[in-house]
Amino acid sequence: MGEPLLDLYYAPTPNGWKITIALEEMGLPYNVVPVDLLRGDQFSDDFLKISPNGRMPALIDRSTHPPVTVFESGAILIYLALGGWLIFRVFV
């Protein structure tokens, strides 16, 4: 099996846990990219390109072209529940 196509920008907070629980329950492979909130990683230029409001967690889905970024736990859960690409096809 190839490398996971989902990158989860994660810190161990309740919002981060929601996403890891959902990904595990769905059986979806993913990479964890640690976000150090105490160091302020969520305000770095690189992270703000993924999550413009600096909120964590954030997800990059590299199974689409171009890759899709989704941020905030509620939006990520909806994206995953609808099969990812479907939400963008229907609502965007």
PDB file of N, CA and C in Angstrom:
ATOM      1  N   MET A   1       0.851  -1.189   0.000  1.00  0.00           N
ATOM      2  CA  MET A   1       0.000   0.000   0.000  1.00  0.00           C
ATOM      3  C   MET A   1       0.883   1.234   0.000  1.00  0.00           C
ATOM      4  N   GLY A   2       0.483   2.276  -0.718  1.00  0.00           N
ATOM      5  CA  GLY A   2       1.272   3.499  -0.814  1.00  0.00           C
ATOM      6  C   GLY A   2       1.170   4.362   0.424  1.00  0.00           C
ATOM      7  N   GLU A   3       1.836   5.472   0.341  1.00  0.00           N
ATOM      8  CA  GLU A   3       1.818   6.428   1.448  1.00  0.00           C
ATOM      9  C   GLU A   3       0.429   7.053   1.589  1.00  0.00           C
ATOM     10  N   PRO A   4      -0.016   7.306   2.833  1.00  0.00           N
ATOM     11  CA  PRO A   4      -1.338   7.929   3.033  1.00  0.00           C
ATOM     12  C   PRO A   4      -1.438   9.264   2.293  1.00  0.00           C
ATOM     13  N   LEU A   5      -2.626   9.536   1.784  1.00  0.00           N
ATOM     14  CA  LEU A   5      -2.862  10.768   1.023  1.00  0.00           C
ATOM     15  C   LEU A   5      -3.486  11.871   1.869  1.00  0.00           C
ATOM     16  N   LEU A   6      -3.690  11.612   3.150  1.00  0.00           N
ATOM     17  CA  LEU A   6      -4.235  12.619   4.055  1.00  0.00           C
ATOM     18  C   LEU A   6      -3.150  13.046   5.034  1.00  0.00           C
ATOM     19  N   ASP A   7      -2.948  14.352   5.150  1.00  0.00           N
ATOM     20  CA  ASP A   7      -2.021  14.911   6.132  1.00  0.00           C
ATOM     21  C   ASP A   7      -2.845  15.668   7.161  1.00  0.00           C
ATOM     22  N   LEU A   8      -2.777  15.221   8.407  1.00  0.00           N
ATOM     23  CA  LEU A   8      -3.514  15.857   9.494  1.00  0.00           C
ATOM     24  C   LEU A   8      -2.556  16.698  10.324  1.00  0.00           C
ATOM     25  N   TYR A   9      -2.783  17.995  10.327  1.00  0.00           N
ATOM     26  CA  TYR A   9      -2.013  18.920  11.165  1.00  0.00           C
ATOM     27  C   TYR A   9      -2.689  18.919  12.524  1.00  0.00           C
ATOM     28  N   TYR A  10      -1.963  18.424  13.520  1.00  0.00           N
ATOM     29  CA  TYR A  10      -2.596  17.964  14.762  1.00  0.00           C
ATOM     30  C   TYR A  10      -1.848  18.449  15.998  1.00  0.00           C
ATOM     31  N   ALA A  11      -2.625  18.794  17.002  1.00  0.00           N
ATOM     32  CA  ALA A  11      -2.123  18.994  18.361  1.00  0.00           C
ATOM     33  C   ALA A  11      -3.062  18.204  19.270  1.00  0.00           C
ATOM     34  N   PRO A  12      -2.549  17.669  20.380  1.00  0.00           N
ATOM     35  CA  PRO A  12      -3.383  16.833  21.256  1.00  0.00           C
ATOM     36  C   PRO A  12      -4.376  17.655  22.080  1.00  0.00           C
ATOM     37  N   THR A  13      -5.422  18.082  21.420  1.00  0.00           N
ATOM     38  CA  THR A  13      -6.513  18.832  22.037  1.00  0.00           C
ATOM     39  C   THR A  13      -7.821  18.098  21.722  1.00  0.00           C
ATOM     40  N   PRO A  14      -8.910  18.425  22.396  1.00  0.00           N
ATOM     41  CA  PRO A  14     -10.176  17.759  22.065  1.00  0.00           C
ATOM     42  C   PRO A  14     -10.539  17.862  20.579  1.00  0.00           C
ATOM     43  N   ASN A  15     -10.298  19.003  19.947  1.00  0.00           N
ATOM     44  CA  ASN A  15     -10.613  19.129  18.526  1.00  0.00           C
ATOM     45  C   ASN A  15      -9.721  18.237  17.670  1.00  0.00           C
ATOM     46  N   GLY A  16      -8.466  18.127  18.037  1.00  0.00           N
ATOM     47  CA  GLY A  16      -7.571  17.223  17.316  1.00  0.00           C
ATOM     48  C   GLY A  16      -7.968  15.770  17.511  1.00  0.00           C
ATOM     49  N   TRP A  17      -8.359  15.421  18.738  1.00  0.00           N
ATOM     50  CA  TRP A  17      -8.764  14.040  19.027  1.00  0.00           C
ATOM     51  C   TRP A  17      -9.983  13.640  18.212  1.00  0.00           C
ATOM     52  N   LYS A  18     -10.932  14.558  18.027  1.00  0.00           N
ATOM     53  CA  LYS A  18     -12.132  14.240  17.243  1.00  0.00           C
ATOM     54  C   LYS A  18     -11.753  13.715  15.868  1.00  0.00           C
ATOM     55  N   ILE A  19     -10.784  14.358  15.250  1.00  0.00           N
ATOM     56  CA  ILE A  19     -10.412  13.984  13.883  1.00  0.00           C
ATOM     57  C   ILE A  19      -9.676  12.657  13.868  1.00  0.00           C
ATOM     58  N   THR A  20      -8.747  12.451  14.808  1.00  0.00           N
ATOM     59  CA  THR A  20      -8.030  11.174  14.820  1.00  0.00           C
ATOM     60  C   THR A  20      -8.991  10.020  15.105  1.00  0.00           C
ATOM     61  N   ILE A  21      -9.956  10.234  15.976  1.00  0.00           N
ATOM     62  CA  ILE A  21     -10.949   9.189  16.248  1.00  0.00           C
ATOM     63  C   ILE A  21     -11.739   8.870  14.983  1.00  0.00           C
ATOM     64  N   ALA A  22     -12.194   9.907  14.282  1.00  0.00           N
ATOM     65  CA  ALA A  22     -12.966   9.695  13.044  1.00  0.00           C
ATOM     66  C   ALA A  22     -12.130   8.964  11.996  1.00  0.00           C
ATOM     67  N   LEU A  23     -10.894   9.394  11.797  1.00  0.00           N
ATOM     68  CA  LEU A  23     -10.032   8.747  10.804  1.00  0.00           C
ATOM     69  C   LEU A  23      -9.789   7.278  11.148  1.00  0.00           C
ATOM     70  N   GLU A  24      -9.562   6.997  12.422  1.00  0.00           N
ATOM     71  CA  GLU A  24      -9.347   5.609  12.853  1.00  0.00           C
ATOM     72  C   GLU A  24     -10.610   4.773  12.658  1.00  0.00           C
ATOM     73  N   GLU A  25     -11.764   5.327  13.033  1.00  0.00           N
ATOM     74  CA  GLU A  25     -13.027   4.593  12.885  1.00  0.00           C
ATOM     75  C   GLU A  25     -13.353   4.338  11.415  1.00  0.00           C
ATOM     76  N   MET A  26     -12.985   5.273  10.548  1.00  0.00           N
ATOM     77  CA  MET A  26     -13.243   5.114   9.114  1.00  0.00           C
ATOM     78  C   MET A  26     -12.196   4.234   8.440  1.00  0.00           C
ATOM     79  N   GLY A  27     -11.136   3.936   9.164  1.00  0.00           N
ATOM     80  CA  GLY A  27     -10.077   3.108   8.595  1.00  0.00           C
ATOM     81  C   GLY A  27      -9.271   3.806   7.525  1.00  0.00           C
ATOM     82  N   LEU A  28      -9.209   5.134   7.593  1.00  0.00           N
ATOM     83  CA  LEU A  28      -8.480   5.895   6.582  1.00  0.00           C
ATOM     84  C   LEU A  28      -7.031   6.111   7.024  1.00  0.00           C
ATOM     85  N   PRO A  29      -6.076   5.769   6.175  1.00  0.00           N
ATOM     86  CA  PRO A  29      -4.677   6.022   6.526  1.00  0.00           C
ATOM     87  C   PRO A  29      -4.369   7.512   6.439  1.00  0.00           C
ATOM     88  N   TYR A  30      -3.526   7.987   7.359  1.00  0.00           N
ATOM     89  CA  TYR A  30      -3.195   9.414   7.383  1.00  0.00           C
ATOM     90  C   TYR A  30      -1.831   9.620   8.015  1.00  0.00           C
ATOM     91  N   ASN A  31      -1.227  10.730   7.683  1.00  0.00           N
ATOM     92  CA  ASN A  31       0.025  11.166   8.302  1.00  0.00           C
ATOM     93  C   ASN A  31      -0.306  12.219   9.339  1.00  0.00           C
ATOM     94  N   VAL A  32       0.371  12.168  10.480  1.00  0.00           N
ATOM     95  CA  VAL A  32       0.220  13.214  11.493  1.00  0.00           C
ATOM     96  C   VAL A  32       1.368  14.195  11.331  1.00  0.00           C
ATOM     97  N   VAL A  33       1.015  15.469  11.207  1.00  0.00           N
ATOM     98  CA  VAL A  33       1.998  16.547  11.194  1.00  0.00           C
ATOM     99  C   VAL A  33       1.791  17.313  12.494  1.00  0.00           C
ATOM    100  N   PRO A  34       2.723  17.166  13.454  1.00  0.00           N
ATOM    101  CA  PRO A  34       2.525  17.812  14.759  1.00  0.00           C
ATOM    102  C   PRO A  34       2.505  19.343  14.659  1.00  0.00           C
ATOM    103  N   VAL A  35       1.590  19.950  15.399  1.00  0.00           N
ATOM    104  CA  VAL A  35       1.507  21.399  15.513  1.00  0.00           C
ATOM    105  C   VAL A  35       1.756  21.734  16.987  1.00  0.00           C
ATOM    106  N   ASP A  36       2.836  22.438  17.265  1.00  0.00           N
ATOM    107  CA  ASP A  36       3.183  22.802  18.639  1.00  0.00           C
ATOM    108  C   ASP A  36       2.525  24.144  18.962  1.00  0.00           C
ATOM    109  N   LEU A  37       1.422  24.076  19.693  1.00  0.00           N
ATOM    110  CA  LEU A  37       0.665  25.288  20.003  1.00  0.00           C
ATOM    111  C   LEU A  37       1.432  26.215  20.939  1.00  0.00           C
ATOM    112  N   LEU A  38       2.207  25.661  21.850  1.00  0.00           N
ATOM    113  CA  LEU A  38       2.968  26.500  22.779  1.00  0.00           C
ATOM    114  C   LEU A  38       4.067  27.284  22.062  1.00  0.00           C
ATOM    115  N   ARG A  39       4.612  26.700  21.012  1.00  0.00           N
ATOM    116  CA  ARG A  39       5.644  27.378  20.226  1.00  0.00           C
ATOM    117  C   ARG A  39       5.021  28.351  19.223  1.00  0.00           C
ATOM    118  N   GLY A  40       3.721  28.231  18.999  1.00  0.00           N
ATOM    119  CA  GLY A  40       3.039  29.127  18.070  1.00  0.00           C
ATOM    120  C   GLY A  40       3.082  28.670  16.628  1.00  0.00           C
ATOM    121  N   ASP A  41       3.259  27.356  16.402  1.00  0.00           N
ATOM    122  CA  ASP A  41       3.311  26.829  15.028  1.00  0.00           C
ATOM    123  C   ASP A  41       2.074  27.201  14.216  1.00  0.00           C
ATOM    124  N   GLN A  42       0.935  27.347  14.885  1.00  0.00           N
ATOM    125  CA  GLN A  42      -0.317  27.627  14.180  1.00  0.00           C
ATOM    126  C   GLN A  42      -0.334  29.027  13.562  1.00  0.00           C
ATOM    127  N   PHE A  43       0.645  29.855  13.914  1.00  0.00           N
ATOM    128  CA  PHE A  43       0.718  31.208  13.346  1.00  0.00           C
ATOM    129  C   PHE A  43       1.852  31.361  12.342  1.00  0.00           C
ATOM    130  N   SER A  44       2.518  30.253  12.019  1.00  0.00           N
ATOM    131  CA  SER A  44       3.612  30.318  11.036  1.00  0.00           C
ATOM    132  C   SER A  44       3.032  30.549   9.639  1.00  0.00           C
ATOM    133  N   ASP A  45       3.822  31.135   8.776  1.00  0.00           N
ATOM    134  CA  ASP A  45       3.369  31.402   7.407  1.00  0.00           C
ATOM    135  C   ASP A  45       2.953  30.116   6.699  1.00  0.00           C
ATOM    136  N   ASP A  46       3.709  29.035   6.904  1.00  0.00           N
ATOM    137  CA  ASP A  46       3.387  27.766   6.249  1.00  0.00           C
ATOM    138  C   ASP A  46       2.035  27.228   6.714  1.00  0.00           C
ATOM    139  N   PHE A  47       1.777  27.307   8.025  1.00  0.00           N
ATOM    140  CA  PHE A  47       0.497  26.805   8.526  1.00  0.00           C
ATOM    141  C   PHE A  47      -0.655  27.700   8.096  1.00  0.00           C
ATOM    142  N   LEU A  48      -0.440  28.995   8.056  1.00  0.00           N
ATOM    143  CA  LEU A  48      -1.509  29.920   7.658  1.00  0.00           C
ATOM    144  C   LEU A  48      -1.912  29.746   6.195  1.00  0.00           C
ATOM    145  N   LYS A  49      -1.055  29.147   5.380  1.00  0.00           N
ATOM    146  CA  LYS A  49      -1.432  28.822   3.994  1.00  0.00           C
ATOM    147  C   LYS A  49      -2.450  27.686   3.974  1.00  0.00           C
ATOM    148  N   ILE A  50      -2.409  26.837   4.990  1.00  0.00           N
ATOM    149  CA  ILE A  50      -3.327  25.698   5.090  1.00  0.00           C
ATOM    150  C   ILE A  50      -4.592  26.100   5.834  1.00  0.00           C
ATOM    151  N   SER A  51      -4.421  26.824   6.924  1.00  0.00           N
ATOM    152  CA  SER A  51      -5.531  27.262   7.761  1.00  0.00           C
ATOM    153  C   SER A  51      -5.414  28.768   7.957  1.00  0.00           C
ATOM    154  N   PRO A  52      -6.026  29.568   7.074  1.00  0.00           N
ATOM    155  CA  PRO A  52      -5.830  31.017   7.088  1.00  0.00           C
ATOM    156  C   PRO A  52      -6.166  31.712   8.404  1.00  0.00           C
ATOM    157  N   ASN A  53      -7.036  31.120   9.210  1.00  0.00           N
ATOM    158  CA  ASN A  53      -7.368  31.741  10.487  1.00  0.00           C
ATOM    159  C   ASN A  53      -6.512  31.204  11.637  1.00  0.00           C
ATOM    160  N   GLY A  54      -5.529  30.346  11.316  1.00  0.00           N
ATOM    161  CA  GLY A  54      -4.609  29.837  12.320  1.00  0.00           C
ATOM    162  C   GLY A  54      -5.222  28.824  13.270  1.00  0.00           C
ATOM    163  N   ARG A  55      -6.341  28.242  12.880  1.00  0.00           N
ATOM    164  CA  ARG A  55      -7.023  27.272  13.748  1.00  0.00           C
ATOM    165  C   ARG A  55      -6.556  25.860  13.419  1.00  0.00           C
ATOM    166  N   MET A  56      -6.544  25.056  14.441  1.00  0.00           N
ATOM    167  CA  MET A  56      -6.123  23.681  14.331  1.00  0.00           C
ATOM    168  C   MET A  56      -7.288  22.809  14.780  1.00  0.00           C
ATOM    169  N   PRO A  57      -7.521  21.663  14.220  1.00  0.00           N
ATOM    170  CA  PRO A  57      -6.719  20.918  13.261  1.00  0.00           C
ATOM    171  C   PRO A  57      -6.958  21.382  11.826  1.00  0.00           C
ATOM    172  N   ALA A  58      -6.089  20.884  10.949  1.00  0.00           N
ATOM    173  CA  ALA A  58      -6.227  21.141   9.524  1.00  0.00           C
ATOM    174  C   ALA A  58      -5.889  19.848   8.791  1.00  0.00           C
ATOM    175  N   LEU A  59      -6.466  19.688   7.610  1.00  0.00           N
ATOM    176  CA  LEU A  59      -6.277  18.465   6.837  1.00  0.00           C
ATOM    177  C   LEU A  59      -5.953  18.838   5.401  1.00  0.00           C
ATOM    178  N   ILE A  60      -4.977  18.154   4.831  1.00  0.00           N
ATOM    179  CA  ILE A  60      -4.708  18.259   3.398  1.00  0.00           C
ATOM    180  C   ILE A  60      -5.030  16.907   2.791  1.00  0.00           C
ATOM    181  N   ASP A  61      -5.913  16.909   1.797  1.00  0.00           N
ATOM    182  CA  ASP A  61      -6.280  15.694   1.069  1.00  0.00           C
ATOM    183  C   ASP A  61      -5.538  15.731  -0.265  1.00  0.00           C
ATOM    184  N   ARG A  62      -4.501  14.917  -0.378  1.00  0.00           N
ATOM    185  CA  ARG A  62      -3.693  14.878  -1.598  1.00  0.00           C
ATOM    186  C   ARG A  62      -4.215  13.860  -2.601  1.00  0.00           C
ATOM    187  N   SER A  63      -5.406  13.293  -2.342  1.00  0.00           N
ATOM    188  CA  SER A  63      -5.995  12.356  -3.309  1.00  0.00           C
ATOM    189  C   SER A  63      -6.704  13.109  -4.425  1.00  0.00           C
ATOM    190  N   THR A  64      -6.848  14.404  -4.275  1.00  0.00           N
ATOM    191  CA  THR A  64      -7.505  15.230  -5.291  1.00  0.00           C
ATOM    192  C   THR A  64      -6.464  16.070  -6.014  1.00  0.00           C
ATOM    193  N   HIS A  65      -6.842  16.559  -7.185  1.00  0.00           N
ATOM    194  CA  HIS A  65      -5.935  17.451  -7.907  1.00  0.00           C
ATOM    195  C   HIS A  65      -6.698  18.719  -8.256  1.00  0.00           C
ATOM    196  N   PRO A  66      -6.293  19.856  -7.740  1.00  0.00           N
ATOM    197  CA  PRO A  66      -5.207  20.072  -6.786  1.00  0.00           C
ATOM    198  C   PRO A  66      -5.609  19.584  -5.399  1.00  0.00           C
ATOM    199  N   PRO A  67      -4.639  19.422  -4.491  1.00  0.00           N
ATOM    200  CA  PRO A  67      -4.976  18.984  -3.134  1.00  0.00           C
ATOM    201  C   PRO A  67      -5.962  19.943  -2.462  1.00  0.00           C
ATOM    202  N   VAL A  68      -6.825  19.381  -1.636  1.00  0.00           N
ATOM    203  CA  VAL A  68      -7.842  20.154  -0.918  1.00  0.00           C
ATOM    204  C   VAL A  68      -7.375  20.348   0.522  1.00  0.00           C
ATOM    205  N   THR A  69      -7.513  21.563   1.031  1.00  0.00           N
ATOM    206  CA  THR A  69      -7.242  21.815   2.442  1.00  0.00           C
ATOM    207  C   THR A  69      -8.557  22.139   3.140  1.00  0.00           C
ATOM    208  N   VAL A  70      -8.712  21.561   4.327  1.00  0.00           N
ATOM    209  CA  VAL A  70      -9.906  21.784   5.142  1.00  0.00           C
ATOM    210  C   VAL A  70      -9.422  22.057   6.555  1.00  0.00           C
ATOM    211  N   PHE A  71     -10.006  23.038   7.214  1.00  0.00           N
ATOM    212  CA  PHE A  71      -9.575  23.361   8.569  1.00  0.00           C
ATOM    213  C   PHE A  71     -10.779  23.526   9.480  1.00  0.00           C
ATOM    214  N   GLU A  72     -10.534  23.363  10.752  1.00  0.00           N
ATOM    215  CA  GLU A  72     -11.494  23.335  11.849  1.00  0.00           C
ATOM    216  C   GLU A  72     -12.190  21.975  11.891  1.00  0.00           C
ATOM    217  N   SER A  73     -12.361  21.472  13.102  1.00  0.00           N
ATOM    218  CA  SER A  73     -12.789  20.087  13.282  1.00  0.00           C
ATOM    219  C   SER A  73     -14.159  19.789  12.671  1.00  0.00           C
ATOM    220  N   GLY A  74     -15.121  20.674  12.816  1.00  0.00           N
ATOM    221  CA  GLY A  74     -16.446  20.420  12.251  1.00  0.00           C
ATOM    222  C   GLY A  74     -16.419  20.293  10.740  1.00  0.00           C
ATOM    223  N   ALA A  75     -15.697  21.171  10.081  1.00  0.00           N
ATOM    224  CA  ALA A  75     -15.593  21.122   8.617  1.00  0.00           C
ATOM    225  C   ALA A  75     -14.867  19.861   8.166  1.00  0.00           C
ATOM    226  N   ILE A  76     -13.827  19.478   8.896  1.00  0.00           N
ATOM    227  CA  ILE A  76     -13.088  18.265   8.541  1.00  0.00           C
ATOM    228  C   ILE A  76     -13.980  17.043   8.695  1.00  0.00           C
ATOM    229  N   LEU A  77     -14.755  16.970   9.781  1.00  0.00           N
ATOM    230  CA  LEU A  77     -15.645  15.824   9.990  1.00  0.00           C
ATOM    231  C   LEU A  77     -16.690  15.721   8.886  1.00  0.00           C
ATOM    232  N   ILE A  78     -17.257  16.841   8.475  1.00  0.00           N
ATOM    233  CA  ILE A  78     -18.234  16.828   7.378  1.00  0.00           C
ATOM    234  C   ILE A  78     -17.562  16.378   6.088  1.00  0.00           C
ATOM    235  N   TYR A  79     -16.390  16.919   5.810  1.00  0.00           N
ATOM    236  CA  TYR A  79     -15.637  16.546   4.602  1.00  0.00           C
ATOM    237  C   TYR A  79     -15.385  15.039   4.571  1.00  0.00           C
ATOM    238  N   LEU A  80     -14.925  14.482   5.678  1.00  0.00           N
ATOM    239  CA  LEU A  80     -14.645  13.050   5.730  1.00  0.00           C
ATOM    240  C   LEU A  80     -15.927  12.223   5.618  1.00  0.00           C
ATOM    241  N   ALA A  81     -16.987  12.664   6.292  1.00  0.00           N
ATOM    242  CA  ALA A  81     -18.238  11.914   6.285  1.00  0.00           C
ATOM    243  C   ALA A  81     -18.858  11.858   4.894  1.00  0.00           C
ATOM    244  N   LEU A  82     -18.691  12.903   4.116  1.00  0.00           N
ATOM    245  CA  LEU A  82     -19.268  12.944   2.780  1.00  0.00           C
ATOM    246  C   LEU A  82     -18.342  12.371   1.722  1.00  0.00           C
ATOM    247  N   GLY A  83     -17.257  11.779   2.144  1.00  0.00           N
ATOM    248  CA  GLY A  83     -16.353  11.174   1.169  1.00  0.00           C
ATOM    249  C   GLY A  83     -15.398  12.163   0.555  1.00  0.00           C
ATOM    250  N   GLY A  84     -15.194  13.288   1.192  1.00  0.00           N
ATOM    251  CA  GLY A  84     -14.195  14.245   0.736  1.00  0.00           C
ATOM    252  C   GLY A  84     -14.600  15.000  -0.501  1.00  0.00           C
ATOM    253  N   TRP A  85     -14.241  14.481  -1.649  1.00  0.00           N
ATOM    254  CA  TRP A  85     -14.441  15.184  -2.918  1.00  0.00           C
ATOM    255  C   TRP A  85     -15.898  15.521  -3.171  1.00  0.00           C
ATOM    256  N   LEU A  86     -16.817  14.727  -2.633  1.00  0.00           N
ATOM    257  CA  LEU A  86     -18.245  14.947  -2.891  1.00  0.00           C
ATOM    258  C   LEU A  86     -18.712  16.315  -2.424  1.00  0.00           C
ATOM    259  N   ILE A  87     -18.252  16.749  -1.261  1.00  0.00           N
ATOM    260  CA  ILE A  87     -18.707  18.036  -0.731  1.00  0.00           C
ATOM    261  C   ILE A  87     -18.317  19.176  -1.669  1.00  0.00           C
ATOM    262  N   PHE A  88     -17.170  19.097  -2.281  1.00  0.00           N
ATOM    263  CA  PHE A  88     -16.738  20.179  -3.167  1.00  0.00           C
ATOM    264  C   PHE A  88     -17.455  20.114  -4.505  1.00  0.00           C
ATOM    265  N   ARG A  89     -17.804  18.947  -4.937  1.00  0.00           N
ATOM    266  CA  ARG A  89     -18.530  18.814  -6.180  1.00  0.00           C
ATOM    267  C   ARG A  89     -19.956  19.354  -6.057  1.00  0.00           C
ATOM    268  N   VAL A  90     -20.583  19.141  -4.904  1.00  0.00           N
ATOM    269  CA  VAL A  90     -21.974  19.521  -4.714  1.00  0.00           C
ATOM    270  C   VAL A  90     -22.119  20.973  -4.266  1.00  0.00           C
ATOM    271  N   PHE A  91     -21.279  21.405  -3.337  1.00  0.00           N
ATOM    272  CA  PHE A  91     -21.501  22.688  -2.701  1.00  0.00           C
ATOM    273  C   PHE A  91     -20.588  23.819  -3.177  1.00  0.00           C
ATOM    274  N   VAL A  92     -19.549  23.513  -3.908  1.00  0.00           N
ATOM    275  CA  VAL A  92     -18.626  24.593  -4.303  1.00  0.00           C
ATOM    276  C   VAL A  92     -18.720  24.800  -5.796  1.00  0.00           C
TER     277      VAL A  92
END
